[in-house]
Amino acid sequence: MPLQIGKTPIVVPRQHQYNEHVNDHQVEFARNVAQRMGTIIPVEDINTLGDIITNYDQIVAGIDDFDFHKDIDYTVVTQKRMKEAEHCKELLIGAIEGKIKS
């Protein structure tokens, strides 16, 4: 939603080191989105959050726009992975519902 109204979200991914998640895939994902698409501001050190909020306008002004031609392969791969994940989710839900009904 923030991107649709022209805002750049500040993203604080959950981290394994704080027992917030089983691994650091959210950190890796946030880094990749920030690097490849420039559409988020990742915050890995919560102690920097206040400064990031205070300097939000300057940070956003320094983010390069998404380069469609440069990042098209990444976008296509991401969309494919999202479709695969959705299919896996449907299979899991079906399996769970099947076990519940049995």
C-alpha atoms as a PDB file:
ATOM      1  CA  MET A   1       0.000   0.000   0.000  1.00  0.00           C
ATOM      2  CA  PRO A   2       2.699   2.608   0.808  1.00  0.00           C
ATOM      3  CA  LEU A   3       4.258   2.231  -2.643  1.00  0.00           C
ATOM      4  CA  GLN A   4       0.882   2.753  -4.277  1.00  0.00           C
ATOM      5  CA  ILE A   5       0.555   6.158  -2.629  1.00  0.00           C
ATOM      6  CA  GLY A   6       4.142   7.191  -3.340  1.00  0.00           C
ATOM      7  CA  LYS A   7       5.661   6.403   0.046  1.00  0.00           C
ATOM      8  CA  THR A   8       8.797   4.395   0.744  1.00  0.00           C
ATOM      9  CA  PRO A   9       8.217   2.019   3.668  1.00  0.00           C
ATOM     10  CA  ILE A  10      10.690   1.599   6.495  1.00  0.00           C
ATOM     11  CA  VAL A  11      11.117  -2.162   6.925  1.00  0.00           C
ATOM     12  CA  VAL A  12      12.387  -3.805  10.114  1.00  0.00           C
ATOM     13  CA  PRO A  13      12.968  -7.475   9.280  1.00  0.00           C
ATOM     14  CA  ARG A  14      12.808 -10.033  12.077  1.00  0.00           C
ATOM     15  CA  GLN A  15      16.213 -11.487  12.926  1.00  0.00           C
ATOM     16  CA  HIS A  16      17.450 -14.885  14.031  1.00  0.00           C
ATOM     17  CA  GLN A  17      19.967 -13.410  16.512  1.00  0.00           C
ATOM     18  CA  TYR A  18      17.067 -12.055  18.592  1.00  0.00           C
ATOM     19  CA  ASN A  19      15.066 -15.295  18.305  1.00  0.00           C
ATOM     20  CA  GLU A  20      12.479 -13.426  16.252  1.00  0.00           C
ATOM     21  CA  HIS A  21      12.671 -15.963  13.437  1.00  0.00           C
ATOM     22  CA  VAL A  22      14.243 -19.322  12.602  1.00  0.00           C
ATOM     23  CA  ASN A  23      16.710 -17.752  10.132  1.00  0.00           C
ATOM     24  CA  ASP A  24      17.615 -14.428   8.531  1.00  0.00           C
ATOM     25  CA  HIS A  25      15.678 -14.757   5.275  1.00  0.00           C
ATOM     26  CA  GLN A  26      13.746 -11.557   6.059  1.00  0.00           C
ATOM     27  CA  VAL A  27      17.004  -9.624   6.481  1.00  0.00           C
ATOM     28  CA  GLU A  28      18.345 -11.020   3.204  1.00  0.00           C
ATOM     29  CA  PHE A  29      15.084 -10.269   1.397  1.00  0.00           C
ATOM     30  CA  ALA A  30      14.965  -6.691   2.708  1.00  0.00           C
ATOM     31  CA  ARG A  31      18.579  -6.120   1.664  1.00  0.00           C
ATOM     32  CA  ASN A  32      17.894  -7.451  -1.827  1.00  0.00           C
ATOM     33  CA  VAL A  33      14.748  -5.368  -2.320  1.00  0.00           C
ATOM     34  CA  ALA A  34      16.530  -2.238  -1.119  1.00  0.00           C
ATOM     35  CA  GLN A  35      19.553  -2.898  -3.323  1.00  0.00           C
ATOM     36  CA  ARG A  36      17.810  -4.074  -6.466  1.00  0.00           C
ATOM     37  CA  MET A  37      14.616  -2.054  -6.437  1.00  0.00           C
ATOM     38  CA  GLY A  38      15.263   0.822  -4.047  1.00  0.00           C
ATOM     39  CA  THR A  39      11.659   0.755  -2.870  1.00  0.00           C
ATOM     40  CA  ILE A  40      12.196   0.222   0.867  1.00  0.00           C
ATOM     41  CA  ILE A  41      14.416   1.478   3.666  1.00  0.00           C
ATOM     42  CA  PRO A  42      15.638  -1.564   5.612  1.00  0.00           C
ATOM     43  CA  VAL A  43      16.486  -1.197   9.308  1.00  0.00           C
ATOM     44  CA  GLU A  44      18.630  -3.977  10.743  1.00  0.00           C
ATOM     45  CA  ASP A  45      19.825  -2.075  13.817  1.00  0.00           C
ATOM     46  CA  ILE A  46      16.793  -0.883  15.765  1.00  0.00           C
ATOM     47  CA  ASN A  47      18.972   1.749  17.445  1.00  0.00           C
ATOM     48  CA  THR A  48      19.098   3.606  14.106  1.00  0.00           C
ATOM     49  CA  LEU A  49      15.314   3.675  13.645  1.00  0.00           C
ATOM     50  CA  GLY A  50      14.861   7.079  15.277  1.00  0.00           C
ATOM     51  CA  ASP A  51      17.502   8.678  13.046  1.00  0.00           C
ATOM     52  CA  ILE A  52      15.989   7.053   9.973  1.00  0.00           C
ATOM     53  CA  ILE A  53      12.547   8.401  10.831  1.00  0.00           C
ATOM     54  CA  THR A  54      13.993  11.855  11.542  1.00  0.00           C
ATOM     55  CA  ASN A  55      15.910  11.874   8.238  1.00  0.00           C
ATOM     56  CA  TYR A  56      13.258  10.066   6.185  1.00  0.00           C
ATOM     57  CA  ASP A  57      12.821  12.787   3.553  1.00  0.00           C
ATOM     58  CA  GLN A  58      16.565  13.055   2.898  1.00  0.00           C
ATOM     59  CA  ILE A  59      16.954   9.279   2.736  1.00  0.00           C
ATOM     60  CA  VAL A  60      14.068   8.893   0.293  1.00  0.00           C
ATOM     61  CA  ALA A  61      15.426  11.730  -1.849  1.00  0.00           C
ATOM     62  CA  GLY A  62      18.683   9.791  -2.192  1.00  0.00           C
ATOM     63  CA  ILE A  63      17.114   6.507  -3.300  1.00  0.00           C
ATOM     64  CA  ASP A  64      17.461   5.816  -7.029  1.00  0.00           C
ATOM     65  CA  ASP A  65      14.277   4.991  -8.920  1.00  0.00           C
ATOM     66  CA  PHE A  66      13.654   1.406  -9.948  1.00  0.00           C
ATOM     67  CA  ASP A  67      15.348   0.754 -13.296  1.00  0.00           C
ATOM     68  CA  PHE A  68      12.853  -1.447 -15.143  1.00  0.00           C
ATOM     69  CA  HIS A  69      15.288  -2.641 -17.796  1.00  0.00           C
ATOM     70  CA  LYS A  70      18.085  -3.388 -15.349  1.00  0.00           C
ATOM     71  CA  ASP A  71      15.865  -5.214 -12.867  1.00  0.00           C
ATOM     72  CA  ILE A  72      13.366  -6.944 -15.167  1.00  0.00           C
ATOM     73  CA  ASP A  73      14.968 -10.387 -14.742  1.00  0.00           C
ATOM     74  CA  TYR A  74      14.823 -10.042 -10.976  1.00  0.00           C
ATOM     75  CA  THR A  75      11.183  -8.983 -11.177  1.00  0.00           C
ATOM     76  CA  VAL A  76      10.249 -11.936 -13.391  1.00  0.00           C
ATOM     77  CA  VAL A  77      12.026 -14.381 -11.073  1.00  0.00           C
ATOM     78  CA  THR A  78      10.350 -12.846  -8.033  1.00  0.00           C
ATOM     79  CA  GLN A  79       6.910 -13.109  -9.638  1.00  0.00           C
ATOM     80  CA  LYS A  80       7.581 -16.742 -10.553  1.00  0.00           C
ATOM     81  CA  ARG A  81       8.660 -17.532  -6.981  1.00  0.00           C
ATOM     82  CA  MET A  82       5.577 -15.807  -5.600  1.00  0.00           C
ATOM     83  CA  LYS A  83       3.341 -17.946  -7.832  1.00  0.00           C
ATOM     84  CA  GLU A  84       5.195 -21.082  -6.738  1.00  0.00           C
ATOM     85  CA  ALA A  85       4.831 -20.089  -3.072  1.00  0.00           C
ATOM     86  CA  GLU A  86       1.106 -19.467  -3.560  1.00  0.00           C
ATOM     87  CA  HIS A  87       0.739 -22.912  -5.147  1.00  0.00           C
ATOM     88  CA  CYS A  88       2.614 -24.521  -2.219  1.00  0.00           C
ATOM     89  CA  LYS A  89       0.386 -22.656   0.231  1.00  0.00           C
ATOM     90  CA  GLU A  90      -2.721 -23.965  -1.531  1.00  0.00           C
ATOM     91  CA  LEU A  91      -1.357 -27.515  -1.406  1.00  0.00           C
ATOM     92  CA  LEU A  92      -0.580 -27.211   2.301  1.00  0.00           C
ATOM     93  CA  ILE A  93      -3.987 -25.765   3.110  1.00  0.00           C
ATOM     94  CA  GLY A  94      -5.611 -28.559   1.120  1.00  0.00           C
ATOM     95  CA  ALA A  95      -3.580 -31.175   2.975  1.00  0.00           C
ATOM     96  CA  ILE A  96      -4.412 -29.657   6.360  1.00  0.00           C
ATOM     97  CA  GLU A  97      -8.110 -29.374   5.534  1.00  0.00           C
ATOM     98  CA  GLY A  98      -8.081 -32.954   4.299  1.00  0.00           C
ATOM     99  CA  LYS A  99      -6.637 -34.152   7.594  1.00  0.00           C
ATOM    100  CA  ILE A 100      -9.100 -32.115   9.624  1.00  0.00           C
ATOM    101  CA  LYS A 101     -12.071 -33.480   7.676  1.00  0.00           C
ATOM    102  CA  SER A 102     -10.889 -37.097   8.000  1.00  0.00           C
END
